[in-house]
Amino acid sequence: MARVRSISSIETEIEKVEADLTKAQQKCDALSAKLLKLQKQKHEYEAKQILDAFHKSGKSLQELMIFLDV
């Protein structure tokens, strides 16, 4: 027959699981913020590469827009 748990042991375990869940959510939030920061850095780097290539090309903005078909 299964052992009957006391209400205090169940409440203690609930508190522990809630604390673990809070900790995991904080870690998830931190990782999400880091991911967004890294994605922004990548986007800025790519934008700079495009701008540098545009400047080196000697093409006009109109020529670039036609090339990009925009």
PDB file of N, CA and C in Angstrom:
ATOM      1  N   MET A   1       0.841  -1.170   0.000  1.00  0.00           N
ATOM      2  CA  MET A   1       0.000   0.000   0.000  1.00  0.00           C
ATOM      3  C   MET A   1       0.892   1.240   0.000  1.00  0.00           C
ATOM      4  N   ALA A   2       0.501   2.249  -0.726  1.00  0.00           N
ATOM      5  CA  ALA A   2       1.283   3.473  -0.844  1.00  0.00           C
ATOM      6  C   ALA A   2       1.290   4.250   0.467  1.00  0.00           C
ATOM      7  N   ARG A   3       2.409   4.862   0.695  1.00  0.00           N
ATOM      8  CA  ARG A   3       2.572   5.664   1.910  1.00  0.00           C
ATOM      9  C   ARG A   3       1.802   6.973   1.755  1.00  0.00           C
ATOM     10  N   VAL A   4       1.088   7.396   2.759  1.00  0.00           N
ATOM     11  CA  VAL A   4       0.330   8.639   2.736  1.00  0.00           C
ATOM     12  C   VAL A   4       1.273   9.762   3.147  1.00  0.00           C
ATOM     13  N   ARG A   5       1.317  10.789   2.316  1.00  0.00           N
ATOM     14  CA  ARG A   5       2.196  11.921   2.596  1.00  0.00           C
ATOM     15  C   ARG A   5       1.473  12.947   3.451  1.00  0.00           C
ATOM     16  N   SER A   6       2.233  13.631   4.252  1.00  0.00           N
ATOM     17  CA  SER A   6       1.631  14.675   5.084  1.00  0.00           C
ATOM     18  C   SER A   6       1.465  15.948   4.259  1.00  0.00           C
ATOM     19  N   ILE A   7       0.530  16.768   4.664  1.00  0.00           N
ATOM     20  CA  ILE A   7       0.270  18.018   3.960  1.00  0.00           C
ATOM     21  C   ILE A   7       1.500  18.925   3.994  1.00  0.00           C
ATOM     22  N   SER A   8       2.248  18.889   5.080  1.00  0.00           N
ATOM     23  CA  SER A   8       3.436  19.744   5.188  1.00  0.00           C
ATOM     24  C   SER A   8       4.518  19.306   4.196  1.00  0.00           C
ATOM     25  N   SER A   9       4.672  18.014   3.969  1.00  0.00           N
ATOM     26  CA  SER A   9       5.677  17.560   3.010  1.00  0.00           C
ATOM     27  C   SER A   9       5.258  17.917   1.585  1.00  0.00           C
ATOM     28  N   ILE A  10       3.973  17.849   1.327  1.00  0.00           N
ATOM     29  CA  ILE A  10       3.467  18.229   0.003  1.00  0.00           C
ATOM     30  C   ILE A  10       3.672  19.732  -0.216  1.00  0.00           C
ATOM     31  N   GLU A  11       3.347  20.539   0.793  1.00  0.00           N
ATOM     32  CA  GLU A  11       3.521  21.994   0.684  1.00  0.00           C
ATOM     33  C   GLU A  11       4.995  22.358   0.526  1.00  0.00           C
ATOM     34  N   THR A  12       5.870  21.650   1.214  1.00  0.00           N
ATOM     35  CA  THR A  12       7.304  21.888   1.084  1.00  0.00           C
ATOM     36  C   THR A  12       7.764  21.596  -0.337  1.00  0.00           C
ATOM     37  N   GLU A  13       7.290  20.494  -0.885  1.00  0.00           N
ATOM     38  CA  GLU A  13       7.659  20.141  -2.254  1.00  0.00           C
ATOM     39  C   GLU A  13       7.090  21.144  -3.248  1.00  0.00           C
ATOM     40  N   ILE A  14       5.873  21.631  -3.032  1.00  0.00           N
ATOM     41  CA  ILE A  14       5.272  22.657  -3.894  1.00  0.00           C
ATOM     42  C   ILE A  14       6.145  23.906  -3.896  1.00  0.00           C
ATOM     43  N   GLU A  15       6.576  24.342  -2.712  1.00  0.00           N
ATOM     44  CA  GLU A  15       7.427  25.530  -2.602  1.00  0.00           C
ATOM     45  C   GLU A  15       8.739  25.330  -3.353  1.00  0.00           C
ATOM     46  N   LYS A  16       9.313  24.126  -3.237  1.00  0.00           N
ATOM     47  CA  LYS A  16      10.566  23.837  -3.927  1.00  0.00           C
ATOM     48  C   LYS A  16      10.369  23.875  -5.440  1.00  0.00           C
ATOM     49  N   VAL A  17       9.292  23.274  -5.924  1.00  0.00           N
ATOM     50  CA  VAL A  17       9.031  23.257  -7.362  1.00  0.00           C
ATOM     51  C   VAL A  17       8.764  24.678  -7.870  1.00  0.00           C
ATOM     52  N   GLU A  18       8.015  25.465  -7.091  1.00  0.00           N
ATOM     53  CA  GLU A  18       7.768  26.850  -7.487  1.00  0.00           C
ATOM     54  C   GLU A  18       9.069  27.643  -7.558  1.00  0.00           C
ATOM     55  N   ALA A  19       9.963  27.439  -6.604  1.00  0.00           N
ATOM     56  CA  ALA A  19      11.261  28.115  -6.597  1.00  0.00           C
ATOM     57  C   ALA A  19      12.091  27.680  -7.805  1.00  0.00           C
ATOM     58  N   ASP A  20      12.073  26.383  -8.098  1.00  0.00           N
ATOM     59  CA  ASP A  20      12.805  25.872  -9.262  1.00  0.00           C
ATOM     60  C   ASP A  20      12.238  26.460 -10.548  1.00  0.00           C
ATOM     61  N   LEU A  21      10.928  26.567 -10.619  1.00  0.00           N
ATOM     62  CA  LEU A  21      10.275  27.126 -11.794  1.00  0.00           C
ATOM     63  C   LEU A  21      10.634  28.602 -11.976  1.00  0.00           C
ATOM     64  N   THR A  22      10.642  29.345 -10.888  1.00  0.00           N
ATOM     65  CA  THR A  22      11.022  30.756 -10.941  1.00  0.00           C
ATOM     66  C   THR A  22      12.461  30.903 -11.422  1.00  0.00           C
ATOM     67  N   LYS A  23      13.339  30.064 -10.898  1.00  0.00           N
ATOM     68  CA  LYS A  23      14.746  30.095 -11.288  1.00  0.00           C
ATOM     69  C   LYS A  23      14.897  29.777 -12.781  1.00  0.00           C
ATOM     70  N   ALA A  24      14.166  28.783 -13.247  1.00  0.00           N
ATOM     71  CA  ALA A  24      14.225  28.404 -14.659  1.00  0.00           C
ATOM     72  C   ALA A  24      13.688  29.531 -15.547  1.00  0.00           C
ATOM     73  N   GLN A  25      12.627  30.198 -15.100  1.00  0.00           N
ATOM     74  CA  GLN A  25      12.055  31.307 -15.870  1.00  0.00           C
ATOM     75  C   GLN A  25      13.048  32.464 -15.956  1.00  0.00           C
ATOM     76  N   GLN A  26      13.744  32.743 -14.858  1.00  0.00           N
ATOM     77  CA  GLN A  26      14.747  33.811 -14.860  1.00  0.00           C
ATOM     78  C   GLN A  26      15.885  33.473 -15.822  1.00  0.00           C
ATOM     79  N   LYS A  27      16.293  32.216 -15.830  1.00  0.00           N
ATOM     80  CA  LYS A  27      17.353  31.792 -16.748  1.00  0.00           C
ATOM     81  C   LYS A  27      16.873  31.913 -18.192  1.00  0.00           C
ATOM     82  N   CYS A  28      15.646  31.513 -18.444  1.00  0.00           N
ATOM     83  CA  CYS A  28      15.066  31.613 -19.781  1.00  0.00           C
ATOM     84  C   CYS A  28      14.999  33.076 -20.225  1.00  0.00           C
ATOM     85  N   ASP A  29      14.577  33.959 -19.324  1.00  0.00           N
ATOM     86  CA  ASP A  29      14.509  35.386 -19.645  1.00  0.00           C
ATOM     87  C   ASP A  29      15.895  35.945 -19.957  1.00  0.00           C
ATOM     88  N   ALA A  30      16.892  35.548 -19.184  1.00  0.00           N
ATOM     89  CA  ALA A  30      18.256  36.017 -19.407  1.00  0.00           C
ATOM     90  C   ALA A  30      18.787  35.528 -20.751  1.00  0.00           C
ATOM     91  N   LEU A  31      18.516  34.268 -21.065  1.00  0.00           N
ATOM     92  CA  LEU A  31      18.965  33.719 -22.346  1.00  0.00           C
ATOM     93  C   LEU A  31      18.249  34.393 -23.518  1.00  0.00           C
ATOM     94  N   SER A  32      16.972  34.689 -23.344  1.00  0.00           N
ATOM     95  CA  SER A  32      16.221  35.381 -24.398  1.00  0.00           C
ATOM     96  C   SER A  32      16.786  36.773 -24.641  1.00  0.00           C
ATOM     97  N   ALA A  33      17.118  37.474 -23.570  1.00  0.00           N
ATOM     98  CA  ALA A  33      17.704  38.810 -23.697  1.00  0.00           C
ATOM     99  C   ALA A  33      19.065  38.736 -24.392  1.00  0.00           C
ATOM    100  N   LYS A  34      19.850  37.729 -24.035  1.00  0.00           N
ATOM    101  CA  LYS A  34      21.164  37.558 -24.660  1.00  0.00           C
ATOM    102  C   LYS A  34      21.012  37.247 -26.142  1.00  0.00           C
ATOM    103  N   LEU A  35      20.052  36.405 -26.486  1.00  0.00           N
ATOM    104  CA  LEU A  35      19.803  36.065 -27.885  1.00  0.00           C
ATOM    105  C   LEU A  35      19.411  37.306 -28.677  1.00  0.00           C
ATOM    106  N   LEU A  36      18.516  38.117 -28.130  1.00  0.00           N
ATOM    107  CA  LEU A  36      18.104  39.342 -28.823  1.00  0.00           C
ATOM    108  C   LEU A  36      19.285  40.285 -29.025  1.00  0.00           C
ATOM    109  N   LYS A  37      20.145  40.397 -28.020  1.00  0.00           N
ATOM    110  CA  LYS A  37      21.315  41.261 -28.117  1.00  0.00           C
ATOM    111  C   LYS A  37      22.254  40.765 -29.222  1.00  0.00           C
ATOM    112  N   LEU A  38      22.490  39.455 -29.259  1.00  0.00           N
ATOM    113  CA  LEU A  38      23.370  38.880 -30.274  1.00  0.00           C
ATOM    114  C   LEU A  38      22.781  39.035 -31.673  1.00  0.00           C
ATOM    115  N   GLN A  39      21.467  38.865 -31.808  1.00  0.00           N
ATOM    116  CA  GLN A  39      20.822  39.039 -33.104  1.00  0.00           C
ATOM    117  C   GLN A  39      20.935  40.486 -33.575  1.00  0.00           C
ATOM    118  N   LYS A  40      20.813  41.430 -32.641  1.00  0.00           N
ATOM    119  CA  LYS A  40      20.954  42.848 -32.983  1.00  0.00           C
ATOM    120  C   LYS A  40      22.380  43.139 -33.437  1.00  0.00           C
ATOM    121  N   GLN A  41      23.366  42.585 -32.725  1.00  0.00           N
ATOM    122  CA  GLN A  41      24.766  42.783 -33.113  1.00  0.00           C
ATOM    123  C   GLN A  41      25.028  42.220 -34.506  1.00  0.00           C
ATOM    124  N   LYS A  42      24.474  41.055 -34.788  1.00  0.00           N
ATOM    125  CA  LYS A  42      24.649  40.433 -36.109  1.00  0.00           C
ATOM    126  C   LYS A  42      24.031  41.310 -37.184  1.00  0.00           C
ATOM    127  N   HIS A  43      22.837  41.806 -36.927  1.00  0.00           N
ATOM    128  CA  HIS A  43      22.147  42.662 -37.895  1.00  0.00           C
ATOM    129  C   HIS A  43      22.968  43.931 -38.163  1.00  0.00           C
ATOM    130  N   GLU A  44      23.492  44.553 -37.114  1.00  0.00           N
ATOM    131  CA  GLU A  44      24.293  45.764 -37.269  1.00  0.00           C
ATOM    132  C   GLU A  44      25.571  45.476 -38.057  1.00  0.00           C
ATOM    133  N   TYR A  45      26.194  44.342 -37.791  1.00  0.00           N
ATOM    134  CA  TYR A  45      27.407  43.962 -38.518  1.00  0.00           C
ATOM    135  C   TYR A  45      27.102  43.755 -40.002  1.00  0.00           C
ATOM    136  N   GLU A  46      26.014  43.054 -40.293  1.00  0.00           N
ATOM    137  CA  GLU A  46      25.636  42.816 -41.684  1.00  0.00           C
ATOM    138  C   GLU A  46      25.292  44.123 -42.394  1.00  0.00           C
ATOM    139  N   ALA A  47      24.609  45.014 -41.693  1.00  0.00           N
ATOM    140  CA  ALA A  47      24.255  46.307 -42.282  1.00  0.00           C
ATOM    141  C   ALA A  47      25.513  47.104 -42.610  1.00  0.00           C
ATOM    142  N   LYS A  48      26.495  47.046 -41.721  1.00  0.00           N
ATOM    143  CA  LYS A  48      27.758  47.753 -41.969  1.00  0.00           C
ATOM    144  C   LYS A  48      28.474  47.158 -43.169  1.00  0.00           C
ATOM    145  N   GLN A  49      28.472  45.841 -43.294  1.00  0.00           N
ATOM    146  CA  GLN A  49      29.109  45.201 -44.446  1.00  0.00           C
ATOM    147  C   GLN A  49      28.437  45.642 -45.744  1.00  0.00           C
ATOM    148  N   ILE A  50      27.123  45.703 -45.732  1.00  0.00           N
ATOM    149  CA  ILE A  50      26.391  46.120 -46.925  1.00  0.00           C
ATOM    150  C   ILE A  50      26.724  47.572 -47.276  1.00  0.00           C
ATOM    151  N   LEU A  51      26.732  48.431 -46.275  1.00  0.00           N
ATOM    152  CA  LEU A  51      27.043  49.841 -46.512  1.00  0.00           C
ATOM    153  C   LEU A  51      28.466  50.008 -47.026  1.00  0.00           C
ATOM    154  N   ASP A  52      29.418  49.282 -46.456  1.00  0.00           N
ATOM    155  CA  ASP A  52      30.805  49.341 -46.931  1.00  0.00           C
ATOM    156  C   ASP A  52      30.910  48.884 -48.382  1.00  0.00           C
ATOM    157  N   ALA A  53      30.226  47.792 -48.704  1.00  0.00           N
ATOM    158  CA  ALA A  53      30.246  47.284 -50.083  1.00  0.00           C
ATOM    159  C   ALA A  53      29.618  48.297 -51.035  1.00  0.00           C
ATOM    160  N   PHE A  54      28.547  48.937 -50.606  1.00  0.00           N
ATOM    161  CA  PHE A  54      27.888  49.957 -51.426  1.00  0.00           C
ATOM    162  C   PHE A  54      28.844  51.121 -51.693  1.00  0.00           C
ATOM    163  N   HIS A  55      29.533  51.568 -50.678  1.00  0.00           N
ATOM    164  CA  HIS A  55      30.471  52.683 -50.840  1.00  0.00           C
ATOM    165  C   HIS A  55      31.614  52.296 -51.770  1.00  0.00           C
ATOM    166  N   LYS A  56      32.133  51.080 -51.631  1.00  0.00           N
ATOM    167  CA  LYS A  56      33.246  50.618 -52.470  1.00  0.00           C
ATOM    168  C   LYS A  56      32.819  50.436 -53.923  1.00  0.00           C
ATOM    169  N   SER A  57      31.555  50.131 -54.150  1.00  0.00           N
ATOM    170  CA  SER A  57      31.086  49.825 -55.502  1.00  0.00           C
ATOM    171  C   SER A  57      31.081  51.047 -56.414  1.00  0.00           C
ATOM    172  N   GLY A  58      30.909  52.230 -55.839  1.00  0.00           N
ATOM    173  CA  GLY A  58      30.837  53.440 -56.655  1.00  0.00           C
ATOM    174  C   GLY A  58      29.507  53.591 -57.374  1.00  0.00           C
ATOM    175  N   LYS A  59      28.572  52.733 -57.072  1.00  0.00           N
ATOM    176  CA  LYS A  59      27.258  52.800 -57.715  1.00  0.00           C
ATOM    177  C   LYS A  59      26.383  53.831 -57.008  1.00  0.00           C
ATOM    178  N   SER A  60      25.405  54.317 -57.739  1.00  0.00           N
ATOM    179  CA  SER A  60      24.462  55.261 -57.133  1.00  0.00           C
ATOM    180  C   SER A  60      23.390  54.485 -56.372  1.00  0.00           C
ATOM    181  N   LEU A  61      22.671  55.214 -55.557  1.00  0.00           N
ATOM    182  CA  LEU A  61      21.577  54.586 -54.803  1.00  0.00           C
ATOM    183  C   LEU A  61      20.539  54.025 -55.767  1.00  0.00           C
ATOM    184  N   GLN A  62      20.251  54.768 -56.827  1.00  0.00           N
ATOM    185  CA  GLN A  62      19.270  54.306 -57.822  1.00  0.00           C
ATOM    186  C   GLN A  62      19.731  52.991 -58.461  1.00  0.00           C
ATOM    187  N   GLU A  63      21.014  52.893 -58.789  1.00  0.00           N
ATOM    188  CA  GLU A  63      21.547  51.648 -59.368  1.00  0.00           C
ATOM    189  C   GLU A  63      21.418  50.481 -58.378  1.00  0.00           C
ATOM    190  N   LEU A  64      21.703  50.768 -57.142  1.00  0.00           N
ATOM    191  CA  LEU A  64      21.582  49.725 -56.113  1.00  0.00           C
ATOM    192  C   LEU A  64      20.144  49.266 -55.973  1.00  0.00           C
ATOM    193  N   MET A  65      19.206  50.199 -55.950  1.00  0.00           N
ATOM    194  CA  MET A  65      17.797  49.846 -55.815  1.00  0.00           C
ATOM    195  C   MET A  65      17.311  49.025 -57.008  1.00  0.00           C
ATOM    196  N   ILE A  66      17.793  49.381 -58.197  1.00  0.00           N
ATOM    197  CA  ILE A  66      17.413  48.593 -59.383  1.00  0.00           C
ATOM    198  C   ILE A  66      18.003  47.188 -59.271  1.00  0.00           C
ATOM    199  N   PHE A  67      19.257  47.099 -58.850  1.00  0.00           N
ATOM    200  CA  PHE A  67      19.897  45.796 -58.695  1.00  0.00           C
ATOM    201  C   PHE A  67      19.156  44.932 -57.676  1.00  0.00           C
ATOM    202  N   LEU A  68      18.722  45.558 -56.598  1.00  0.00           N
ATOM    203  CA  LEU A  68      18.007  44.819 -55.550  1.00  0.00           C
ATOM    204  C   LEU A  68      16.546  44.570 -55.930  1.00  0.00           C
ATOM    205  N   ASP A  69      16.110  45.178 -57.009  1.00  0.00           N
ATOM    206  CA  ASP A  69      14.736  45.039 -57.496  1.00  0.00           C
ATOM    207  C   ASP A  69      13.732  45.492 -56.422  1.00  0.00           C
ATOM    208  N   VAL A  70      14.029  46.680 -55.868  1.00  0.00           N
ATOM    209  CA  VAL A  70      13.167  47.247 -54.835  1.00  0.00           C
ATOM    210  C   VAL A  70      12.466  48.464 -55.382  1.00  0.00           C
TER     211      VAL A  70
END
